[in-house]
Amino acid sequence: WSTVCNSIWYDTEATVLCRTLGCGDVLQRPAFAHTLPGKM
């Protein structure tokens, strides 16, 4: 399991993920800390 870098994480990427997970569309894009070994 890895985290995703938010340097280029925009509404398009977030929308793709929301829809993939069956969660509708994006409302917000909060930031978190990286605590997992890999980065994507």
Full PDB file with SEQRES, HELIX, SHEET, SSBOND, CRYST1, ORIGX, SCALE, CONECT and MASTER records, all heavy atoms in Angstrom:
SEQRES   1 A   40  TRP SER THR VAL CYS ASN SER ILE TRP TYR ASP THR GLU          
SEQRES   2 A   40  ALA THR VAL LEU CYS ARG THR LEU GLY CYS GLY ASP VAL          
SEQRES   3 A   40  LEU GLN ARG PRO ALA PHE ALA HIS THR LEU PRO GLY LYS          
SEQRES   4 A   40  MET                                                          
HELIX    1 AA1 ASN A    6  ILE A    8  5                                   3    
HELIX    2 AA2 ASP A   11  THR A   20  1                                  10    
SHEET    1 AA1 2 SER A   2  THR A   3  0                                        
SHEET    2 AA1 2 GLY A  38  LYS A  39  1                                        
CRYST1    1.000    1.000    1.000  90.00  90.00  90.00 P 1           1          
ORIGX1      1.000000  0.000000  0.000000        0.00000                         
ORIGX2      0.000000  1.000000  0.000000        0.00000                         
ORIGX3      0.000000  0.000000  1.000000        0.00000                         
SCALE1      1.000000  0.000000  0.000000        0.00000                         
SCALE2      0.000000  1.000000  0.000000        0.00000                         
SCALE3      0.000000  0.000000  1.000000        0.00000                         
ATOM      1  N   TRP A   1       0.847  -1.197   0.000  1.00  0.00           N  
ATOM      2  CA  TRP A   1       0.000   0.000   0.000  1.00  0.00           C  
ATOM      3  C   TRP A   1       0.877   1.239   0.000  1.00  0.00           C  
ATOM      4  O   TRP A   1       1.852   1.318   0.747  1.00  0.00           O  
ATOM      5  CB  TRP A   1      -0.929   0.006   1.211  1.00  0.00           C  
ATOM      6  CG  TRP A   1      -2.066  -0.958   1.071  1.00  0.00           C  
ATOM      7  CD1 TRP A   1      -2.131  -2.229   1.592  1.00  0.00           C  
ATOM      8  CD2 TRP A   1      -3.288  -0.756   0.345  1.00  0.00           C  
ATOM      9  NE1 TRP A   1      -3.318  -2.821   1.220  1.00  0.00           N  
ATOM     10  CE2 TRP A   1      -4.055  -1.942   0.463  1.00  0.00           C  
ATOM     11  CE3 TRP A   1      -3.801   0.325  -0.389  1.00  0.00           C  
ATOM     12  CZ2 TRP A   1      -5.310  -2.081  -0.121  1.00  0.00           C  
ATOM     13  CZ3 TRP A   1      -5.061   0.182  -0.972  1.00  0.00           C  
ATOM     14  CH2 TRP A   1      -5.798  -1.004  -0.839  1.00  0.00           C  
ATOM     15  N   SER A   2       0.532   2.211  -0.834  1.00  0.00           N  
ATOM     16  CA  SER A   2       1.295   3.456  -0.967  1.00  0.00           C  
ATOM     17  C   SER A   2       0.351   4.651  -0.900  1.00  0.00           C  
ATOM     18  O   SER A   2      -0.855   4.509  -1.099  1.00  0.00           O  
ATOM     19  CB  SER A   2       2.025   3.504  -2.316  1.00  0.00           C  
ATOM     20  OG  SER A   2       2.891   2.404  -2.466  1.00  0.00           O  
ATOM     21  N   THR A   3       0.934   5.819  -0.644  1.00  0.00           N  
ATOM     22  CA  THR A   3       0.154   7.059  -0.717  1.00  0.00           C  
ATOM     23  C   THR A   3       0.365   7.707  -2.085  1.00  0.00           C  
ATOM     24  O   THR A   3       1.229   7.298  -2.860  1.00  0.00           O  
ATOM     25  CB  THR A   3       0.577   8.036   0.401  1.00  0.00           C  
ATOM     26  OG1 THR A   3       2.000   8.031   0.508  1.00  0.00           O  
ATOM     27  CG2 THR A   3      -0.032   7.629   1.729  1.00  0.00           C  
ATOM     28  N   VAL A   4      -0.439   8.736  -2.366  1.00  0.00           N  
ATOM     29  CA  VAL A   4      -0.402   9.427  -3.656  1.00  0.00           C  
ATOM     30  C   VAL A   4       0.033  10.872  -3.418  1.00  0.00           C  
ATOM     31  O   VAL A   4      -0.443  11.528  -2.492  1.00  0.00           O  
ATOM     32  CB  VAL A   4      -1.792   9.378  -4.330  1.00  0.00           C  
ATOM     33  CG1 VAL A   4      -1.820  10.229  -5.595  1.00  0.00           C  
ATOM     34  CG2 VAL A   4      -2.164   7.930  -4.654  1.00  0.00           C  
ATOM     35  N   CYS A   5       0.951  11.372  -4.254  1.00  0.00           N  
ATOM     36  CA  CYS A   5       1.464  12.737  -4.086  1.00  0.00           C  
ATOM     37  C   CYS A   5       0.413  13.756  -4.529  1.00  0.00           C  
ATOM     38  O   CYS A   5      -0.179  13.604  -5.597  1.00  0.00           O  
ATOM     39  CB  CYS A   5       2.720  12.923  -4.922  1.00  0.00           C  
ATOM     40  SG  CYS A   5       3.911  11.609  -4.654  1.00  0.00           S  
ATOM     41  N   ASN A   6       0.210  14.796  -3.741  1.00  0.00           N  
ATOM     42  CA  ASN A   6      -0.829  15.778  -4.092  1.00  0.00           C  
ATOM     43  C   ASN A   6      -0.300  16.925  -4.949  1.00  0.00           C  
ATOM     44  O   ASN A   6      -1.042  17.839  -5.282  1.00  0.00           O  
ATOM     45  CB  ASN A   6      -1.524  16.320  -2.841  1.00  0.00           C  
ATOM     46  CG  ASN A   6      -0.685  17.337  -2.074  1.00  0.00           C  
ATOM     47  OD1 ASN A   6       0.520  17.470  -2.302  1.00  0.00           O  
ATOM     48  ND2 ASN A   6      -1.320  18.039  -1.149  1.00  0.00           N  
ATOM     49  N   SER A   7       1.001  16.846  -5.337  1.00  0.00           N  
ATOM     50  CA  SER A   7       1.581  17.946  -6.123  1.00  0.00           C  
ATOM     51  C   SER A   7       0.871  18.125  -7.466  1.00  0.00           C  
ATOM     52  O   SER A   7       0.791  19.244  -7.976  1.00  0.00           O  
ATOM     53  CB  SER A   7       3.078  17.703  -6.351  1.00  0.00           C  
ATOM     54  OG  SER A   7       3.298  16.389  -6.819  1.00  0.00           O  
ATOM     55  N   ILE A   8       0.341  17.033  -8.028  1.00  0.00           N  
ATOM     56  CA  ILE A   8      -0.419  17.138  -9.280  1.00  0.00           C  
ATOM     57  C   ILE A   8      -1.740  16.387  -9.146  1.00  0.00           C  
ATOM     58  O   ILE A   8      -2.230  15.774 -10.097  1.00  0.00           O  
ATOM     59  CB  ILE A   8       0.397  16.617 -10.494  1.00  0.00           C  
ATOM     60  CG1 ILE A   8       1.129  15.332 -10.141  1.00  0.00           C  
ATOM     61  CG2 ILE A   8       1.378  17.661 -10.998  1.00  0.00           C  
ATOM     62  CD1 ILE A   8       1.893  14.728 -11.279  1.00  0.00           C  
ATOM     63  N   TRP A   9      -2.333  16.432  -7.970  1.00  0.00           N  
ATOM     64  CA  TRP A   9      -3.622  15.766  -7.708  1.00  0.00           C  
ATOM     65  C   TRP A   9      -4.725  16.810  -7.815  1.00  0.00           C  
ATOM     66  O   TRP A   9      -4.942  17.608  -6.915  1.00  0.00           O  
ATOM     67  CB  TRP A   9      -3.590  15.147  -6.316  1.00  0.00           C  
ATOM     68  CG  TRP A   9      -4.858  14.454  -5.886  1.00  0.00           C  
ATOM     69  CD1 TRP A   9      -5.780  14.907  -4.992  1.00  0.00           C  
ATOM     70  CD2 TRP A   9      -5.315  13.162  -6.303  1.00  0.00           C  
ATOM     71  NE1 TRP A   9      -6.783  13.987  -4.835  1.00  0.00           N  
ATOM     72  CE2 TRP A   9      -6.525  12.901  -5.631  1.00  0.00           C  
ATOM     73  CE3 TRP A   9      -4.816  12.195  -7.200  1.00  0.00           C  
ATOM     74  CZ2 TRP A   9      -7.256  11.728  -5.804  1.00  0.00           C  
ATOM     75  CZ3 TRP A   9      -5.535  11.024  -7.372  1.00  0.00           C  
ATOM     76  CH2 TRP A   9      -6.741  10.798  -6.685  1.00  0.00           C  
ATOM     77  N   TYR A  10      -5.416  16.830  -8.968  1.00  0.00           N  
ATOM     78  CA  TYR A  10      -6.424  17.860  -9.228  1.00  0.00           C  
ATOM     79  C   TYR A  10      -7.817  17.237  -9.314  1.00  0.00           C  
ATOM     80  O   TYR A  10      -8.000  16.052  -9.070  1.00  0.00           O  
ATOM     81  CB  TYR A  10      -6.081  18.604 -10.526  1.00  0.00           C  
ATOM     82  CG  TYR A  10      -4.745  19.305 -10.466  1.00  0.00           C  
ATOM     83  CD1 TYR A  10      -3.706  18.957 -11.333  1.00  0.00           C  
ATOM     84  CD2 TYR A  10      -4.508  20.320  -9.531  1.00  0.00           C  
ATOM     85  CE1 TYR A  10      -2.478  19.599 -11.276  1.00  0.00           C  
ATOM     86  CE2 TYR A  10      -3.276  20.966  -9.465  1.00  0.00           C  
ATOM     87  CZ  TYR A  10      -2.272  20.597 -10.345  1.00  0.00           C  
ATOM     88  OH  TYR A  10      -1.051  21.236 -10.277  1.00  0.00           O  
ATOM     89  N   ASP A  11      -8.803  18.041  -9.696  1.00  0.00           N  
ATOM     90  CA  ASP A  11     -10.184  17.562  -9.727  1.00  0.00           C  
ATOM     91  C   ASP A  11     -10.378  16.384 -10.683  1.00  0.00           C  
ATOM     92  O   ASP A  11     -11.178  15.489 -10.406  1.00  0.00           O  
ATOM     93  CB  ASP A  11     -11.145  18.701 -10.110  1.00  0.00           C  
ATOM     94  CG  ASP A  11     -11.562  19.538  -8.898  1.00  0.00           C  
ATOM     95  OD1 ASP A  11     -11.121  19.204  -7.777  1.00  0.00           O  
ATOM     96  OD2 ASP A  11     -12.306  20.510  -9.075  1.00  0.00           O  
ATOM     97  N   THR A  12      -9.650  16.367 -11.812  1.00  0.00           N  
ATOM     98  CA  THR A  12      -9.821  15.267 -12.768  1.00  0.00           C  
ATOM     99  C   THR A  12      -9.428  13.938 -12.124  1.00  0.00           C  
ATOM    100  O   THR A  12     -10.179  12.955 -12.175  1.00  0.00           O  
ATOM    101  CB  THR A  12      -8.979  15.497 -14.041  1.00  0.00           C  
ATOM    102  OG1 THR A  12      -9.323  16.766 -14.585  1.00  0.00           O  
ATOM    103  CG2 THR A  12      -9.258  14.433 -15.088  1.00  0.00           C  
ATOM    104  N   GLU A  13      -8.257  13.907 -11.508  1.00  0.00           N  
ATOM    105  CA  GLU A  13      -7.785  12.677 -10.869  1.00  0.00           C  
ATOM    106  C   GLU A  13      -8.725  12.259  -9.736  1.00  0.00           C  
ATOM    107  O   GLU A  13      -9.080  11.079  -9.594  1.00  0.00           O  
ATOM    108  CB  GLU A  13      -6.365  12.877 -10.315  1.00  0.00           C  
ATOM    109  CG  GLU A  13      -5.283  13.015 -11.362  1.00  0.00           C  
ATOM    110  CD  GLU A  13      -5.213  14.401 -12.020  1.00  0.00           C  
ATOM    111  OE1 GLU A  13      -5.769  15.377 -11.459  1.00  0.00           O  
ATOM    112  OE2 GLU A  13      -4.592  14.507 -13.084  1.00  0.00           O  
ATOM    113  N   ALA A  14      -9.142  13.248  -8.933  1.00  0.00           N  
ATOM    114  CA  ALA A  14     -10.019  12.957  -7.795  1.00  0.00           C  
ATOM    115  C   ALA A  14     -11.381  12.437  -8.271  1.00  0.00           C  
ATOM    116  O   ALA A  14     -11.960  11.526  -7.673  1.00  0.00           O  
ATOM    117  CB  ALA A  14     -10.191  14.202  -6.932  1.00  0.00           C  
ATOM    118  N   THR A  15     -11.887  13.007  -9.368  1.00  0.00           N  
ATOM    119  CA  THR A  15     -13.178  12.570  -9.919  1.00  0.00           C  
ATOM    120  C   THR A  15     -13.093  11.132 -10.413  1.00  0.00           C  
ATOM    121  O   THR A  15     -13.996  10.319 -10.170  1.00  0.00           O  
ATOM    122  CB  THR A  15     -13.622  13.495 -11.072  1.00  0.00           C  
ATOM    123  OG1 THR A  15     -13.755  14.823 -10.566  1.00  0.00           O  
ATOM    124  CG2 THR A  15     -14.947  13.053 -11.662  1.00  0.00           C  
ATOM    125  N   VAL A  16     -12.007  10.797 -11.117  1.00  0.00           N  
ATOM    126  CA  VAL A  16     -11.812   9.419 -11.588  1.00  0.00           C  
ATOM    127  C   VAL A  16     -11.875   8.452 -10.409  1.00  0.00           C  
ATOM    128  O   VAL A  16     -12.566   7.420 -10.462  1.00  0.00           O  
ATOM    129  CB  VAL A  16     -10.465   9.273 -12.341  1.00  0.00           C  
ATOM    130  CG1 VAL A  16     -10.142   7.799 -12.607  1.00  0.00           C  
ATOM    131  CG2 VAL A  16     -10.499  10.047 -13.659  1.00  0.00           C  
ATOM    132  N   LEU A  17     -11.195   8.796  -9.321  1.00  0.00           N  
ATOM    133  CA  LEU A  17     -11.172   7.898  -8.165  1.00  0.00           C  
ATOM    134  C   LEU A  17     -12.549   7.799  -7.507  1.00  0.00           C  
ATOM    135  O   LEU A  17     -13.008   6.699  -7.181  1.00  0.00           O  
ATOM    136  CB  LEU A  17     -10.129   8.353  -7.147  1.00  0.00           C  
ATOM    137  CG  LEU A  17     -10.011   7.443  -5.924  1.00  0.00           C  
ATOM    138  CD1 LEU A  17      -9.659   6.011  -6.329  1.00  0.00           C  
ATOM    139  CD2 LEU A  17      -8.990   7.976  -4.937  1.00  0.00           C  
ATOM    140  N   CYS A  18     -13.223   8.926  -7.294  1.00  0.00           N  
ATOM    141  CA  CYS A  18     -14.562   8.894  -6.686  1.00  0.00           C  
ATOM    142  C   CYS A  18     -15.487   7.980  -7.476  1.00  0.00           C  
ATOM    143  O   CYS A  18     -16.215   7.151  -6.909  1.00  0.00           O  
ATOM    144  CB  CYS A  18     -15.159  10.298  -6.605  1.00  0.00           C  
ATOM    145  SG  CYS A  18     -14.433  11.374  -5.342  1.00  0.00           S  
ATOM    146  N   ARG A  19     -15.445   8.105  -8.801  1.00  0.00           N  
ATOM    147  CA  ARG A  19     -16.331   7.291  -9.643  1.00  0.00           C  
ATOM    148  C   ARG A  19     -15.934   5.821  -9.624  1.00  0.00           C  
ATOM    149  O   ARG A  19     -16.790   4.936  -9.608  1.00  0.00           O  
ATOM    150  CB  ARG A  19     -16.349   7.840 -11.068  1.00  0.00           C  
ATOM    151  CG  ARG A  19     -17.030   9.207 -11.148  1.00  0.00           C  
ATOM    152  CD  ARG A  19     -17.069   9.761 -12.569  1.00  0.00           C  
ATOM    153  NE  ARG A  19     -17.696  11.083 -12.591  1.00  0.00           N  
ATOM    154  CZ  ARG A  19     -17.850  11.808 -13.686  1.00  0.00           C  
ATOM    155  NH1 ARG A  19     -17.402  11.364 -14.855  1.00  0.00           N  
ATOM    156  NH2 ARG A  19     -18.428  12.999 -13.631  1.00  0.00           N  
ATOM    157  N   THR A  20     -14.629   5.548  -9.633  1.00  0.00           N  
ATOM    158  CA  THR A  20     -14.154   4.166  -9.552  1.00  0.00           C  
ATOM    159  C   THR A  20     -14.658   3.492  -8.281  1.00  0.00           C  
ATOM    160  O   THR A  20     -15.029   2.317  -8.281  1.00  0.00           O  
ATOM    161  CB  THR A  20     -12.608   4.111  -9.565  1.00  0.00           C  
ATOM    162  OG1 THR A  20     -12.123   4.667 -10.781  1.00  0.00           O  
ATOM    163  CG2 THR A  20     -12.098   2.688  -9.455  1.00  0.00           C  
ATOM    164  N   LEU A  21     -14.675   4.226  -7.193  1.00  0.00           N  
ATOM    165  CA  LEU A  21     -15.088   3.676  -5.896  1.00  0.00           C  
ATOM    166  C   LEU A  21     -16.605   3.681  -5.713  1.00  0.00           C  
ATOM    167  O   LEU A  21     -17.107   3.278  -4.669  1.00  0.00           O  
ATOM    168  CB  LEU A  21     -14.424   4.474  -4.760  1.00  0.00           C  
ATOM    169  CG  LEU A  21     -12.897   4.404  -4.680  1.00  0.00           C  
ATOM    170  CD1 LEU A  21     -12.374   5.329  -3.593  1.00  0.00           C  
ATOM    171  CD2 LEU A  21     -12.419   2.972  -4.435  1.00  0.00           C  
ATOM    172  N   GLY A  22     -17.335   4.174  -6.726  1.00  0.00           N  
ATOM    173  CA  GLY A  22     -18.795   4.250  -6.619  1.00  0.00           C  
ATOM    174  C   GLY A  22     -19.252   5.315  -5.643  1.00  0.00           C  
ATOM    175  O   GLY A  22     -20.293   5.186  -4.998  1.00  0.00           O  
ATOM    176  N   CYS A  23     -18.476   6.385  -5.541  1.00  0.00           N  
ATOM    177  CA  CYS A  23     -18.709   7.425  -4.536  1.00  0.00           C  
ATOM    178  C   CYS A  23     -19.149   8.762  -5.137  1.00  0.00           C  
ATOM    179  O   CYS A  23     -19.069   9.804  -4.478  1.00  0.00           O  
ATOM    180  CB  CYS A  23     -17.445   7.642  -3.704  1.00  0.00           C  
ATOM    181  SG  CYS A  23     -17.006   6.246  -2.654  1.00  0.00           S  
ATOM    182  N   GLY A  24     -19.597   8.762  -6.398  1.00  0.00           N  
ATOM    183  CA  GLY A  24     -20.080  10.010  -6.997  1.00  0.00           C  
ATOM    184  C   GLY A  24     -18.954  10.879  -7.516  1.00  0.00           C  
ATOM    185  O   GLY A  24     -18.023  10.377  -8.158  1.00  0.00           O  
ATOM    186  N   ASP A  25     -19.021  12.177  -7.226  1.00  0.00           N  
ATOM    187  CA  ASP A  25     -18.017  13.133  -7.699  1.00  0.00           C  
ATOM    188  C   ASP A  25     -17.278  13.784  -6.533  1.00  0.00           C  
ATOM    189  O   ASP A  25     -17.645  13.610  -5.377  1.00  0.00           O  
ATOM    190  CB  ASP A  25     -18.681  14.197  -8.589  1.00  0.00           C  
ATOM    191  CG  ASP A  25     -19.016  13.634  -9.969  1.00  0.00           C  
ATOM    192  OD1 ASP A  25     -18.176  12.923 -10.530  1.00  0.00           O  
ATOM    193  OD2 ASP A  25     -20.128  13.903 -10.461  1.00  0.00           O  
ATOM    194  N   VAL A  26     -16.247  14.560  -6.870  1.00  0.00           N  
ATOM    195  CA  VAL A  26     -15.381  15.126  -5.833  1.00  0.00           C  
ATOM    196  C   VAL A  26     -16.005  16.386  -5.210  1.00  0.00           C  
ATOM    197  O   VAL A  26     -16.583  17.218  -5.904  1.00  0.00           O  
ATOM    198  CB  VAL A  26     -13.979  15.420  -6.424  1.00  0.00           C  
ATOM    199  CG1 VAL A  26     -14.066  16.393  -7.588  1.00  0.00           C  
ATOM    200  CG2 VAL A  26     -13.030  15.956  -5.361  1.00  0.00           C  
ATOM    201  N   LEU A  27     -15.886  16.484  -3.897  1.00  0.00           N  
ATOM    202  CA  LEU A  27     -16.283  17.701  -3.176  1.00  0.00           C  
ATOM    203  C   LEU A  27     -15.059  18.508  -2.760  1.00  0.00           C  
ATOM    204  O   LEU A  27     -14.992  19.710  -2.967  1.00  0.00           O  
ATOM    205  CB  LEU A  27     -17.079  17.337  -1.905  1.00  0.00           C  
ATOM    206  CG  LEU A  27     -18.564  17.003  -2.045  1.00  0.00           C  
ATOM    207  CD1 LEU A  27     -19.125  16.641  -0.674  1.00  0.00           C  
ATOM    208  CD2 LEU A  27     -19.337  18.177  -2.632  1.00  0.00           C  
ATOM    209  N   GLN A  28     -14.083  17.821  -2.118  1.00  0.00           N  
ATOM    210  CA  GLN A  28     -12.877  18.505  -1.638  1.00  0.00           C  
ATOM    211  C   GLN A  28     -11.663  17.608  -1.841  1.00  0.00           C  
ATOM    212  O   GLN A  28     -11.795  16.394  -2.016  1.00  0.00           O  
ATOM    213  CB  GLN A  28     -12.997  18.807  -0.134  1.00  0.00           C  
ATOM    214  CG  GLN A  28     -13.977  19.904   0.222  1.00  0.00           C  
ATOM    215  CD  GLN A  28     -14.110  19.968   1.759  1.00  0.00           C  
ATOM    216  OE1 GLN A  28     -15.009  19.374   2.343  1.00  0.00           O  
ATOM    217  NE2 GLN A  28     -13.192  20.661   2.388  1.00  0.00           N  
ATOM    218  N   ARG A  29     -10.478  18.255  -1.778  1.00  0.00           N  
ATOM    219  CA  ARG A  29      -9.226  17.504  -1.907  1.00  0.00           C  
ATOM    220  C   ARG A  29      -8.315  17.851  -0.737  1.00  0.00           C  
ATOM    221  O   ARG A  29      -7.364  18.624  -0.882  1.00  0.00           O  
ATOM    222  CB  ARG A  29      -8.543  17.827  -3.238  1.00  0.00           C  
ATOM    223  CG  ARG A  29      -9.295  17.308  -4.458  1.00  0.00           C  
ATOM    224  CD  ARG A  29      -8.603  17.591  -5.778  1.00  0.00           C  
ATOM    225  NE  ARG A  29      -8.797  18.950  -6.254  1.00  0.00           N  
ATOM    226  CZ  ARG A  29      -7.852  19.876  -6.299  1.00  0.00           C  
ATOM    227  NH1 ARG A  29      -6.624  19.603  -5.908  1.00  0.00           N  
ATOM    228  NH2 ARG A  29      -8.132  21.086  -6.740  1.00  0.00           N  
ATOM    229  N   PRO A  30      -8.572  17.309   0.449  1.00  0.00           N  
ATOM    230  CA  PRO A  30      -7.713  17.617   1.599  1.00  0.00           C  
ATOM    231  C   PRO A  30      -6.342  16.957   1.478  1.00  0.00           C  
ATOM    232  O   PRO A  30      -6.168  16.012   0.700  1.00  0.00           O  
ATOM    233  CB  PRO A  30      -8.489  17.026   2.783  1.00  0.00           C  
ATOM    234  CG  PRO A  30      -9.301  15.923   2.185  1.00  0.00           C  
ATOM    235  CD  PRO A  30      -9.646  16.370   0.787  1.00  0.00           C  
ATOM    236  N   ALA A  31      -5.385  17.460   2.217  1.00  0.00           N  
ATOM    237  CA  ALA A  31      -4.026  16.900   2.219  1.00  0.00           C  
ATOM    238  C   ALA A  31      -3.766  16.170   3.535  1.00  0.00           C  
ATOM    239  O   ALA A  31      -4.320  16.514   4.575  1.00  0.00           O  
ATOM    240  CB  ALA A  31      -3.000  18.007   2.022  1.00  0.00           C  
ATOM    241  N   PHE A  32      -2.924  15.155   3.459  1.00  0.00           N  
ATOM    242  CA  PHE A  32      -2.574  14.332   4.621  1.00  0.00           C  
ATOM    243  C   PHE A  32      -1.057  14.148   4.643  1.00  0.00           C  
ATOM    244  O   PHE A  32      -0.359  14.588   3.737  1.00  0.00           O  
ATOM    245  CB  PHE A  32      -3.256  12.959   4.533  1.00  0.00           C  
ATOM    246  CG  PHE A  32      -4.755  13.006   4.614  1.00  0.00           C  
ATOM    247  CD1 PHE A  32      -5.523  13.240   3.473  1.00  0.00           C  
ATOM    248  CD2 PHE A  32      -5.405  12.820   5.820  1.00  0.00           C  
ATOM    249  CE1 PHE A  32      -6.912  13.277   3.538  1.00  0.00           C  
ATOM    250  CE2 PHE A  32      -6.797  12.858   5.901  1.00  0.00           C  
ATOM    251  CZ  PHE A  32      -7.550  13.091   4.758  1.00  0.00           C  
ATOM    252  N   ALA A  33      -0.573  13.469   5.671  1.00  0.00           N  
ATOM    253  CA  ALA A  33       0.858  13.150   5.757  1.00  0.00           C  
ATOM    254  C   ALA A  33       1.130  11.838   5.021  1.00  0.00           C  
ATOM    255  O   ALA A  33       0.277  10.952   4.970  1.00  0.00           O  
ATOM    256  CB  ALA A  33       1.279  13.025   7.211  1.00  0.00           C  
ATOM    257  N   HIS A  34       2.341  11.717   4.437  1.00  0.00           N  
ATOM    258  CA  HIS A  34       2.792  10.443   3.861  1.00  0.00           C  
ATOM    259  C   HIS A  34       3.315   9.566   5.006  1.00  0.00           C  
ATOM    260  O   HIS A  34       4.282   9.938   5.663  1.00  0.00           O  
ATOM    261  CB  HIS A  34       3.971  10.671   2.894  1.00  0.00           C  
ATOM    262  CG  HIS A  34       3.603  11.327   1.598  1.00  0.00           C  
ATOM    263  ND1 HIS A  34       2.865  10.707   0.620  1.00  0.00           N  
ATOM    264  CD2 HIS A  34       3.918  12.554   1.112  1.00  0.00           C  
ATOM    265  CE1 HIS A  34       2.728  11.523  -0.422  1.00  0.00           C  
ATOM    266  NE2 HIS A  34       3.348  12.648  -0.142  1.00  0.00           N  
ATOM    267  N   THR A  35       2.697   8.408   5.229  1.00  0.00           N  
ATOM    268  CA  THR A  35       3.237   7.510   6.264  1.00  0.00           C  
ATOM    269  C   THR A  35       3.402   6.074   5.758  1.00  0.00           C  
ATOM    270  O   THR A  35       3.743   5.184   6.529  1.00  0.00           O  
ATOM    271  CB  THR A  35       2.312   7.480   7.505  1.00  0.00           C  
ATOM    272  OG1 THR A  35       1.000   7.116   7.081  1.00  0.00           O  
ATOM    273  CG2 THR A  35       2.273   8.832   8.203  1.00  0.00           C  
ATOM    274  N   LEU A  36       3.175   5.858   4.464  1.00  0.00           N  
ATOM    275  CA  LEU A  36       3.349   4.517   3.896  1.00  0.00           C  
ATOM    276  C   LEU A  36       4.641   4.472   3.081  1.00  0.00           C  
ATOM    277  O   LEU A  36       5.148   5.509   2.664  1.00  0.00           O  
ATOM    278  CB  LEU A  36       2.141   4.164   3.021  1.00  0.00           C  
ATOM    279  CG  LEU A  36       0.811   4.024   3.774  1.00  0.00           C  
ATOM    280  CD1 LEU A  36      -0.344   3.820   2.800  1.00  0.00           C  
ATOM    281  CD2 LEU A  36       0.872   2.870   4.758  1.00  0.00           C  
ATOM    282  N   PRO A  37       5.172   3.270   2.828  1.00  0.00           N  
ATOM    283  CA  PRO A  37       6.501   3.176   2.194  1.00  0.00           C  
ATOM    284  C   PRO A  37       6.583   3.697   0.768  1.00  0.00           C  
ATOM    285  O   PRO A  37       7.590   4.279   0.374  1.00  0.00           O  
ATOM    286  CB  PRO A  37       6.817   1.679   2.239  1.00  0.00           C  
ATOM    287  CG  PRO A  37       5.511   0.995   2.455  1.00  0.00           C  
ATOM    288  CD  PRO A  37       4.664   1.948   3.237  1.00  0.00           C  
ATOM    289  N   GLY A  38       5.527   3.491  -0.028  1.00  0.00           N  
ATOM    290  CA  GLY A  38       5.605   3.855  -1.441  1.00  0.00           C  
ATOM    291  C   GLY A  38       4.882   5.150  -1.746  1.00  0.00           C  
ATOM    292  O   GLY A  38       4.056   5.626  -0.975  1.00  0.00           O  
ATOM    293  N   LYS A  39       5.219   5.736  -2.910  1.00  0.00           N  
ATOM    294  CA  LYS A  39       4.543   6.957  -3.364  1.00  0.00           C  
ATOM    295  C   LYS A  39       4.153   6.793  -4.841  1.00  0.00           C  
ATOM    296  O   LYS A  39       4.929   6.287  -5.640  1.00  0.00           O  
ATOM    297  CB  LYS A  39       5.468   8.163  -3.248  1.00  0.00           C  
ATOM    298  CG  LYS A  39       6.084   8.358  -1.866  1.00  0.00           C  
ATOM    299  CD  LYS A  39       5.641   9.649  -1.244  1.00  0.00           C  
ATOM    300  CE  LYS A  39       6.383   9.996   0.044  1.00  0.00           C  
ATOM    301  NZ  LYS A  39       6.916   8.856   0.790  1.00  0.00           N  
ATOM    302  N   MET A  40       2.967   7.243  -5.156  1.00  0.00           N  
ATOM    303  CA  MET A  40       2.442   7.132  -6.510  1.00  0.00           C  
ATOM    304  C   MET A  40       2.014   8.510  -6.991  1.00  0.00           C  
ATOM    305  O   MET A  40       1.520   9.320  -6.204  1.00  0.00           O  
ATOM    306  CB  MET A  40       1.228   6.201  -6.487  1.00  0.00           C  
ATOM    307  CG  MET A  40       0.751   5.781  -7.829  1.00  0.00           C  
ATOM    308  SD  MET A  40       1.907   4.611  -8.585  1.00  0.00           S  
ATOM    309  CE  MET A  40       0.858   3.266  -8.969  1.00  0.00           C  
TER     310      MET A  40                                                      
MASTER        0    0    0    2    2    0    0    6  309    1    0    4          
END                                                                             
